[in-house]
Every structure is written in C-alpha cells, then in structure tokens.
Amino acid sequence: MKKTFLILAMIFGVVAAQARQLPTPTSLFDNSHVEFKYYGFYGIVEYTHMFNFANESPQYLNPSTGTVVTFVDKYHLNGITAIAGWQWRKESAIGLGFSYFSDPQSSFSQIPVFIEFRSHFLRSRITPFTSVQVGYSIPFGSKNSIEEYTRIDEGGITFGITAGARFAITPKLGINLYAGYQMIHLNSVERGFNMVASTKMSELYDNLRFGIGVNF
C-alpha cells in the first residue's frame, strides 16, 4: 500500500509542477495552449491496477495425501506501466512498453513486455483514446508459501485492450484515465505441497484493468 501511494504521489508531483507554469484557462474546454502534440515521440507512465475474475484452476493431486485439490485464484495486481513510442498523426501511434506487476502474495509477480497500438480521436483539451497491447509476460518465479504454494514456472502471451480519456494540461503533458481488459496466458503454473511440485499446467487468466498516469 505504501508503494502505491508513493507511485501516485510521484505522478501527481510531475503534473502539478508542469501545471504551475501555465495560465489558467477560461473554462474546462478552452483549447488555447492545450492542443496536445500529435506528431513525434511520446512517453507514458501509468499506475496500473488489475484484478482477475475468479479463476478455477484444473484439479491437482496432493502427493502427500493422495487427494485431488482444485485451486481458485482471485488475485489483485498492482504496478507501473511505461511506454515509449512514435505518433505520426492523432489517430495512429505505435510504441514499445513494459509493466511490473505484483500481487500481495508475490506468486503472480511478472513483467509483461509488449508492443502497443494507440489511437486518439480529437485534438481538443479532452480526447477519448483506445489502445491495444500484445506481448509476452516474464515471471519472477517466486512462491506465495511453502506448504501449499503457487509459482509461475513459465510465462506466456498477454493481450490487452483499453479505452479512456486524456486531459491535456499543456501541449506536451496530459493525464490519462482508462479501463479495459487484460488476458494473460501462462504456459506453466506450478502447484506444490511441502516444497514438492505436484503439477505444472498452462492457465488462462482474464483481468479487469484500470489505470491513471501521465502522457508526455
């Protein structure tokens, strides 16, 4: 929780420092001095929160008791997403990015690396946007416990789609708010008991995703 507040404080600190340099607009939709650049290099840094729909994993055999166990994972992932790209018009931008996500138990900590396609639809102070991300998620391989543990053994493909709005503060600084869907398909998730691996299987996770950040 402390890390989350620190990340948000850093993001809003950058926004506040830039905003103090600007004249106050006459209204929220006053477009003077706030048409966001729509050509050239751009960067995005966001705080991301995801939670997955209750995922009932395949059945696993507990080697110590001989009983069959079904796991239900319902985790929350929090982290930072950073993107650098090139925009050649308002509707067309492409970038490369990565995220760092971690859950409270650390069993699903991972770094997705992806390519992003982004579109903005207006050149006004507030514009809707969409983005599509396709990539591969690299696991940390950490375990959430010793006796009955879960660990990502091998990462896999990830796909995300989001829709949101960008609020321009200056022609080179904006605030992004968005929501969307994120799919993570892990090639191998290890379930084990007392440090002994029970089963390794591929698993698919569907996530709701929310974020806030800066566009510069």
C-alpha atoms as a PDB file:
ATOM      1  CA  MET A   1       0.000   0.000   0.000  1.00  0.00           C
ATOM      2  CA  LYS A   2       2.833   2.420   0.837  1.00  0.00           C
ATOM      3  CA  LYS A   3       4.422   1.742  -2.562  1.00  0.00           C
ATOM      4  CA  THR A   4       1.119   2.513  -4.271  1.00  0.00           C
ATOM      5  CA  PHE A   5       0.785   5.896  -2.545  1.00  0.00           C
ATOM      6  CA  LEU A   6       4.420   6.730  -3.356  1.00  0.00           C
ATOM      7  CA  ILE A   7       3.886   5.956  -7.051  1.00  0.00           C
ATOM      8  CA  LEU A   8       0.741   8.087  -7.211  1.00  0.00           C
ATOM      9  CA  ALA A   9       2.475  10.939  -5.367  1.00  0.00           C
ATOM     10  CA  MET A  10       5.327  10.936  -7.899  1.00  0.00           C
ATOM     11  CA  ILE A  11       2.935  11.005 -10.870  1.00  0.00           C
ATOM     12  CA  PHE A  12       0.853  13.867  -9.491  1.00  0.00           C
ATOM     13  CA  GLY A  13       4.005  15.724  -8.450  1.00  0.00           C
ATOM     14  CA  VAL A  14       5.143  15.873 -12.076  1.00  0.00           C
ATOM     15  CA  VAL A  15       1.685  17.012 -13.187  1.00  0.00           C
ATOM     16  CA  ALA A  16       1.486  19.719 -10.527  1.00  0.00           C
ATOM     17  CA  ALA A  17       4.941  21.080 -11.358  1.00  0.00           C
ATOM     18  CA  GLN A  18       4.009  21.442 -15.025  1.00  0.00           C
ATOM     19  CA  ALA A  19       0.591  22.904 -14.306  1.00  0.00           C
ATOM     20  CA  ARG A  20       2.032  25.785 -12.228  1.00  0.00           C
ATOM     21  CA  GLN A  21       3.776  27.089 -15.336  1.00  0.00           C
ATOM     22  CA  LEU A  22       0.512  27.590 -17.261  1.00  0.00           C
ATOM     23  CA  PRO A  23      -2.017  30.422 -17.427  1.00  0.00           C
ATOM     24  CA  THR A  24      -5.403  29.423 -16.066  1.00  0.00           C
ATOM     25  CA  PRO A  25      -7.819  28.535 -18.902  1.00  0.00           C
ATOM     26  CA  THR A  26     -11.124  30.370 -19.009  1.00  0.00           C
ATOM     27  CA  SER A  27     -13.048  27.099 -18.992  1.00  0.00           C
ATOM     28  CA  LEU A  28     -12.553  23.349 -18.954  1.00  0.00           C
ATOM     29  CA  PHE A  29     -12.946  23.166 -22.728  1.00  0.00           C
ATOM     30  CA  ASP A  30     -10.812  26.230 -23.511  1.00  0.00           C
ATOM     31  CA  ASN A  31      -8.435  24.916 -26.180  1.00  0.00           C
ATOM     32  CA  SER A  32      -5.963  27.805 -26.115  1.00  0.00           C
ATOM     33  CA  HIS A  33      -2.427  26.498 -25.453  1.00  0.00           C
ATOM     34  CA  VAL A  34      -3.704  22.979 -24.699  1.00  0.00           C
ATOM     35  CA  GLU A  35      -3.903  21.226 -28.054  1.00  0.00           C
ATOM     36  CA  PHE A  36      -1.778  18.181 -27.335  1.00  0.00           C
ATOM     37  CA  LYS A  37       1.021  17.432 -29.780  1.00  0.00           C
ATOM     38  CA  TYR A  38       0.020  14.828 -32.323  1.00  0.00           C
ATOM     39  CA  TYR A  39       3.338  14.150 -34.055  1.00  0.00           C
ATOM     40  CA  GLY A  40       6.678  12.753 -32.897  1.00  0.00           C
ATOM     41  CA  PHE A  41       7.976  10.787 -29.933  1.00  0.00           C
ATOM     42  CA  TYR A  42       5.840  10.363 -26.832  1.00  0.00           C
ATOM     43  CA  GLY A  43       6.094   8.710 -23.456  1.00  0.00           C
ATOM     44  CA  ILE A  44       3.551   7.343 -20.986  1.00  0.00           C
ATOM     45  CA  VAL A  45       3.991   6.375 -17.332  1.00  0.00           C
ATOM     46  CA  GLU A  46       0.968   4.899 -15.553  1.00  0.00           C
ATOM     47  CA  TYR A  47      -0.083   3.306 -12.310  1.00  0.00           C
ATOM     48  CA  THR A  48      -1.986   0.108 -13.148  1.00  0.00           C
ATOM     49  CA  HIS A  49      -4.371  -1.969 -11.066  1.00  0.00           C
ATOM     50  CA  MET A  50      -5.781  -5.306 -12.228  1.00  0.00           C
ATOM     51  CA  PHE A  51      -7.964  -7.949 -10.658  1.00  0.00           C
ATOM     52  CA  ASN A  52      -8.846 -11.216 -12.265  1.00  0.00           C
ATOM     53  CA  PHE A  53     -12.193 -12.912 -12.500  1.00  0.00           C
ATOM     54  CA  ALA A  54     -12.320 -15.894 -10.122  1.00  0.00           C
ATOM     55  CA  ASN A  55     -10.247 -18.472 -11.944  1.00  0.00           C
ATOM     56  CA  GLU A  56     -10.847 -22.110 -11.068  1.00  0.00           C
ATOM     57  CA  SER A  57      -7.662 -23.962 -11.928  1.00  0.00           C
ATOM     58  CA  PRO A  58      -7.538 -27.579 -13.091  1.00  0.00           C
ATOM     59  CA  GLN A  59      -7.540 -30.243 -10.417  1.00  0.00           C
ATOM     60  CA  TYR A  60      -4.221 -31.117  -8.830  1.00  0.00           C
ATOM     61  CA  LEU A  61      -3.164 -34.187  -6.873  1.00  0.00           C
ATOM     62  CA  ASN A  62      -1.737 -33.570  -3.416  1.00  0.00           C
ATOM     63  CA  PRO A  63       1.152 -36.105  -3.335  1.00  0.00           C
ATOM     64  CA  SER A  64       1.274 -36.186   0.468  1.00  0.00           C
ATOM     65  CA  THR A  65      -2.411 -37.109   0.986  1.00  0.00           C
ATOM     66  CA  GLY A  66      -3.412 -38.543  -2.394  1.00  0.00           C
ATOM     67  CA  THR A  67      -6.422 -36.206  -2.519  1.00  0.00           C
ATOM     68  CA  VAL A  68      -7.472 -34.102  -5.504  1.00  0.00           C
ATOM     69  CA  VAL A  69      -7.436 -30.344  -4.926  1.00  0.00           C
ATOM     70  CA  THR A  70      -8.973 -27.546  -7.008  1.00  0.00           C
ATOM     71  CA  PHE A  71      -7.385 -24.118  -6.644  1.00  0.00           C
ATOM     72  CA  VAL A  72      -9.315 -20.881  -7.050  1.00  0.00           C
ATOM     73  CA  ASP A  73      -7.106 -17.869  -7.727  1.00  0.00           C
ATOM     74  CA  LYS A  74      -8.521 -14.407  -7.240  1.00  0.00           C
ATOM     75  CA  TYR A  75      -5.615 -12.018  -7.103  1.00  0.00           C
ATOM     76  CA  HIS A  76      -5.007  -8.285  -7.431  1.00  0.00           C
ATOM     77  CA  LEU A  77      -2.017  -6.986  -9.370  1.00  0.00           C
ATOM     78  CA  ASN A  78      -0.587  -3.506  -8.892  1.00  0.00           C
ATOM     79  CA  GLY A  79       2.314  -1.874 -10.661  1.00  0.00           C
ATOM     80  CA  ILE A  80       3.790   0.571 -13.122  1.00  0.00           C
ATOM     81  CA  THR A  81       3.463   0.628 -16.909  1.00  0.00           C
ATOM     82  CA  ALA A  82       5.897   2.609 -19.091  1.00  0.00           C
ATOM     83  CA  ILE A  83       5.590   3.136 -22.864  1.00  0.00           C
ATOM     84  CA  ALA A  84       7.758   4.950 -25.417  1.00  0.00           C
ATOM     85  CA  GLY A  85       6.545   5.375 -28.972  1.00  0.00           C
ATOM     86  CA  TRP A  86       6.070   7.391 -32.131  1.00  0.00           C
ATOM     87  CA  GLN A  87       2.898   9.174 -33.233  1.00  0.00           C
ATOM     88  CA  TRP A  88       2.567  10.263 -36.862  1.00  0.00           C
ATOM     89  CA  ARG A  89      -0.996  11.587 -36.588  1.00  0.00           C
ATOM     90  CA  LYS A  90      -3.663  11.792 -33.910  1.00  0.00           C
ATOM     91  CA  GLU A  91      -5.277   8.503 -34.903  1.00  0.00           C
ATOM     92  CA  SER A  92      -2.076   6.490 -35.268  1.00  0.00           C
ATOM     93  CA  ALA A  93       0.702   5.755 -32.786  1.00  0.00           C
ATOM     94  CA  ILE A  94       2.864   2.742 -32.074  1.00  0.00           C
ATOM     95  CA  GLY A  95       5.071   2.108 -29.068  1.00  0.00           C
ATOM     96  CA  LEU A  96       7.055  -0.390 -27.026  1.00  0.00           C
ATOM     97  CA  GLY A  97       6.402  -0.837 -23.335  1.00  0.00           C
ATOM     98  CA  PHE A  98       6.712  -2.939 -20.239  1.00  0.00           C
ATOM     99  CA  SER A  99       4.937  -3.300 -16.920  1.00  0.00           C
ATOM    100  CA  TYR A 100       5.880  -4.516 -13.491  1.00  0.00           C
ATOM    101  CA  PHE A 101       3.004  -6.235 -11.681  1.00  0.00           C
ATOM    102  CA  SER A 102       2.984  -7.797  -8.233  1.00  0.00           C
ATOM    103  CA  ASP A 103       0.277  -9.329  -6.064  1.00  0.00           C
ATOM    104  CA  PRO A 104       0.215  -9.326  -2.234  1.00  0.00           C
ATOM    105  CA  GLN A 105       1.395 -12.966  -2.086  1.00  0.00           C
ATOM    106  CA  SER A 106       4.024 -12.441  -4.837  1.00  0.00           C
ATOM    107  CA  SER A 107       3.099 -15.714  -6.557  1.00  0.00           C
ATOM    108  CA  PHE A 108       1.962 -13.889  -9.722  1.00  0.00           C
ATOM    109  CA  SER A 109       4.687 -11.208  -9.902  1.00  0.00           C
ATOM    110  CA  GLN A 110       5.656 -10.679 -13.550  1.00  0.00           C
ATOM    111  CA  ILE A 111       6.935  -8.253 -16.185  1.00  0.00           C
ATOM    112  CA  PRO A 112       4.859  -8.085 -19.397  1.00  0.00           C
ATOM    113  CA  VAL A 113       6.792  -6.708 -22.401  1.00  0.00           C
ATOM    114  CA  PHE A 114       4.602  -5.585 -25.293  1.00  0.00           C
ATOM    115  CA  ILE A 115       4.030  -3.588 -28.448  1.00  0.00           C
ATOM    116  CA  GLU A 116       1.183  -1.067 -28.323  1.00  0.00           C
ATOM    117  CA  PHE A 117      -1.109   0.459 -30.953  1.00  0.00           C
ATOM    118  CA  ARG A 118      -2.793   3.648 -29.736  1.00  0.00           C
ATOM    119  CA  SER A 119      -5.393   5.999 -31.259  1.00  0.00           C
ATOM    120  CA  HIS A 120      -6.659   9.429 -30.184  1.00  0.00           C
ATOM    121  CA  PHE A 121      -9.822  10.760 -31.770  1.00  0.00           C
ATOM    122  CA  LEU A 122      -9.874  14.510 -31.081  1.00  0.00           C
ATOM    123  CA  ARG A 123      -7.417  17.392 -30.806  1.00  0.00           C
ATOM    124  CA  SER A 124      -9.377  19.173 -28.109  1.00  0.00           C
ATOM    125  CA  ARG A 125      -8.442  19.565 -24.451  1.00  0.00           C
ATOM    126  CA  ILE A 126     -10.175  16.263 -23.638  1.00  0.00           C
ATOM    127  CA  THR A 127      -9.958  13.399 -26.111  1.00  0.00           C
ATOM    128  CA  PRO A 128     -11.024   9.751 -25.939  1.00  0.00           C
ATOM    129  CA  PHE A 129      -8.420   7.161 -26.845  1.00  0.00           C
ATOM    130  CA  THR A 130      -8.055   3.423 -27.292  1.00  0.00           C
ATOM    131  CA  SER A 131      -5.016   1.168 -27.055  1.00  0.00           C
ATOM    132  CA  VAL A 132      -4.196  -2.439 -27.902  1.00  0.00           C
ATOM    133  CA  GLN A 133      -1.209  -4.241 -26.372  1.00  0.00           C
ATOM    134  CA  VAL A 134       0.262  -7.581 -27.452  1.00  0.00           C
ATOM    135  CA  GLY A 135       3.305  -9.161 -25.849  1.00  0.00           C
ATOM    136  CA  TYR A 136       4.872 -11.746 -23.543  1.00  0.00           C
ATOM    137  CA  SER A 137       4.790 -11.834 -19.751  1.00  0.00           C
ATOM    138  CA  ILE A 138       8.037 -12.766 -17.954  1.00  0.00           C
ATOM    139  CA  PRO A 139       7.551 -14.328 -14.493  1.00  0.00           C
ATOM    140  CA  PHE A 140       9.587 -13.748 -11.335  1.00  0.00           C
ATOM    141  CA  GLY A 141       9.275 -17.376 -10.243  1.00  0.00           C
ATOM    142  CA  SER A 142       8.506 -16.502  -6.623  1.00  0.00           C
ATOM    143  CA  LYS A 143       6.328 -18.664  -4.346  1.00  0.00           C
ATOM    144  CA  ASN A 144       3.460 -17.489  -2.158  1.00  0.00           C
ATOM    145  CA  SER A 145       4.055 -20.073   0.607  1.00  0.00           C
ATOM    146  CA  ILE A 146       5.973 -23.254   1.438  1.00  0.00           C
ATOM    147  CA  GLU A 147       3.446 -25.901   2.405  1.00  0.00           C
ATOM    148  CA  GLU A 148       0.872 -25.262  -0.310  1.00  0.00           C
ATOM    149  CA  TYR A 149       2.373 -22.963  -2.891  1.00  0.00           C
ATOM    150  CA  THR A 150       1.763 -21.458  -6.322  1.00  0.00           C
ATOM    151  CA  ARG A 151       4.545 -20.319  -8.642  1.00  0.00           C
ATOM    152  CA  ILE A 152       4.666 -19.174 -12.259  1.00  0.00           C
ATOM    153  CA  ASP A 153       7.036 -21.666 -13.837  1.00  0.00           C
ATOM    154  CA  GLU A 154       6.892 -20.266 -17.376  1.00  0.00           C
ATOM    155  CA  GLY A 155       5.375 -17.051 -18.727  1.00  0.00           C
ATOM    156  CA  GLY A 156       3.233 -16.651 -21.799  1.00  0.00           C
ATOM    157  CA  ILE A 157       1.445 -14.335 -24.177  1.00  0.00           C
ATOM    158  CA  THR A 158      -0.569 -11.367 -22.969  1.00  0.00           C
ATOM    159  CA  PHE A 159      -3.165  -9.246 -24.740  1.00  0.00           C
ATOM    160  CA  GLY A 160      -4.890  -6.105 -23.534  1.00  0.00           C
ATOM    161  CA  ILE A 161      -7.370  -3.555 -24.826  1.00  0.00           C
ATOM    162  CA  THR A 162      -8.283  -0.314 -23.064  1.00  0.00           C
ATOM    163  CA  ALA A 163     -10.422   2.775 -23.603  1.00  0.00           C
ATOM    164  CA  GLY A 164     -10.096   6.057 -21.776  1.00  0.00           C
ATOM    165  CA  ALA A 165      -9.650   9.798 -21.920  1.00  0.00           C
ATOM    166  CA  ARG A 166      -6.665  12.134 -21.972  1.00  0.00           C
ATOM    167  CA  PHE A 167      -6.889  15.551 -20.333  1.00  0.00           C
ATOM    168  CA  ALA A 168      -4.322  17.969 -21.780  1.00  0.00           C
ATOM    169  CA  ILE A 169      -2.573  20.276 -19.309  1.00  0.00           C
ATOM    170  CA  THR A 170      -0.003  21.557 -21.798  1.00  0.00           C
ATOM    171  CA  PRO A 171       0.710  20.695 -25.443  1.00  0.00           C
ATOM    172  CA  LYS A 172       3.257  18.183 -24.120  1.00  0.00           C
ATOM    173  CA  LEU A 173       1.688  16.958 -20.894  1.00  0.00           C
ATOM    174  CA  GLY A 174      -1.615  15.196 -20.280  1.00  0.00           C
ATOM    175  CA  ILE A 175      -3.350  12.980 -17.730  1.00  0.00           C
ATOM    176  CA  ASN A 176      -4.672   9.578 -18.814  1.00  0.00           C
ATOM    177  CA  LEU A 177      -7.578   7.713 -17.235  1.00  0.00           C
ATOM    178  CA  TYR A 178      -8.647   4.340 -18.628  1.00  0.00           C
ATOM    179  CA  ALA A 179     -10.281   0.967 -18.072  1.00  0.00           C
ATOM    180  CA  GLY A 180     -10.028  -2.236 -20.036  1.00  0.00           C
ATOM    181  CA  TYR A 181      -9.410  -5.961 -20.302  1.00  0.00           C
ATOM    182  CA  GLN A 182      -6.149  -7.891 -19.960  1.00  0.00           C
ATOM    183  CA  MET A 183      -5.616 -11.551 -20.847  1.00  0.00           C
ATOM    184  CA  ILE A 184      -2.573 -13.401 -19.508  1.00  0.00           C
ATOM    185  CA  HIS A 185      -1.940 -16.965 -20.668  1.00  0.00           C
ATOM    186  CA  LEU A 186       0.789 -18.621 -18.596  1.00  0.00           C
ATOM    187  CA  ASN A 187       2.423 -21.617 -20.247  1.00  0.00           C
ATOM    188  CA  SER A 188       3.166 -23.302 -16.933  1.00  0.00           C
ATOM    189  CA  VAL A 189       1.958 -22.676 -13.380  1.00  0.00           C
ATOM    190  CA  GLU A 190       3.453 -24.914 -10.719  1.00  0.00           C
ATOM    191  CA  ARG A 191       1.334 -26.056  -7.776  1.00  0.00           C
ATOM    192  CA  GLY A 192       3.046 -27.838  -4.954  1.00  0.00           C
ATOM    193  CA  PHE A 193       2.916 -29.039  -1.386  1.00  0.00           C
ATOM    194  CA  ASN A 194       5.786 -29.023   1.136  1.00  0.00           C
ATOM    195  CA  MET A 195       8.324 -27.922  -1.493  1.00  0.00           C
ATOM    196  CA  VAL A 196       7.357 -30.803  -3.810  1.00  0.00           C
ATOM    197  CA  ALA A 197       5.901 -29.871  -7.193  1.00  0.00           C
ATOM    198  CA  SER A 198       2.531 -31.532  -7.691  1.00  0.00           C
ATOM    199  CA  THR A 199       1.574 -30.429 -11.195  1.00  0.00           C
ATOM    200  CA  LYS A 200       2.613 -27.944 -13.843  1.00  0.00           C
ATOM    201  CA  MET A 201      -0.141 -26.804 -16.209  1.00  0.00           C
ATOM    202  CA  SER A 202      -0.899 -23.910 -18.517  1.00  0.00           C
ATOM    203  CA  GLU A 203      -3.507 -21.492 -17.149  1.00  0.00           C
ATOM    204  CA  LEU A 204      -5.502 -18.630 -18.618  1.00  0.00           C
ATOM    205  CA  TYR A 205      -6.371 -15.527 -16.595  1.00  0.00           C
ATOM    206  CA  ASP A 206      -8.897 -12.835 -17.534  1.00  0.00           C
ATOM    207  CA  ASN A 207      -8.421  -9.478 -15.815  1.00  0.00           C
ATOM    208  CA  LEU A 208     -10.176  -6.151 -15.468  1.00  0.00           C
ATOM    209  CA  ARG A 209      -7.653  -3.320 -15.716  1.00  0.00           C
ATOM    210  CA  PHE A 210      -7.738   0.297 -14.522  1.00  0.00           C
ATOM    211  CA  GLY A 211      -5.090   2.982 -14.715  1.00  0.00           C
ATOM    212  CA  ILE A 212      -4.091   6.603 -14.240  1.00  0.00           C
ATOM    213  CA  GLY A 213      -0.938   8.248 -15.487  1.00  0.00           C
ATOM    214  CA  VAL A 214       0.803  10.952 -17.470  1.00  0.00           C
ATOM    215  CA  ASN A 215       1.318  11.329 -21.226  1.00  0.00           C
ATOM    216  CA  PHE A 216       4.254  13.459 -22.351  1.00  0.00           C
END
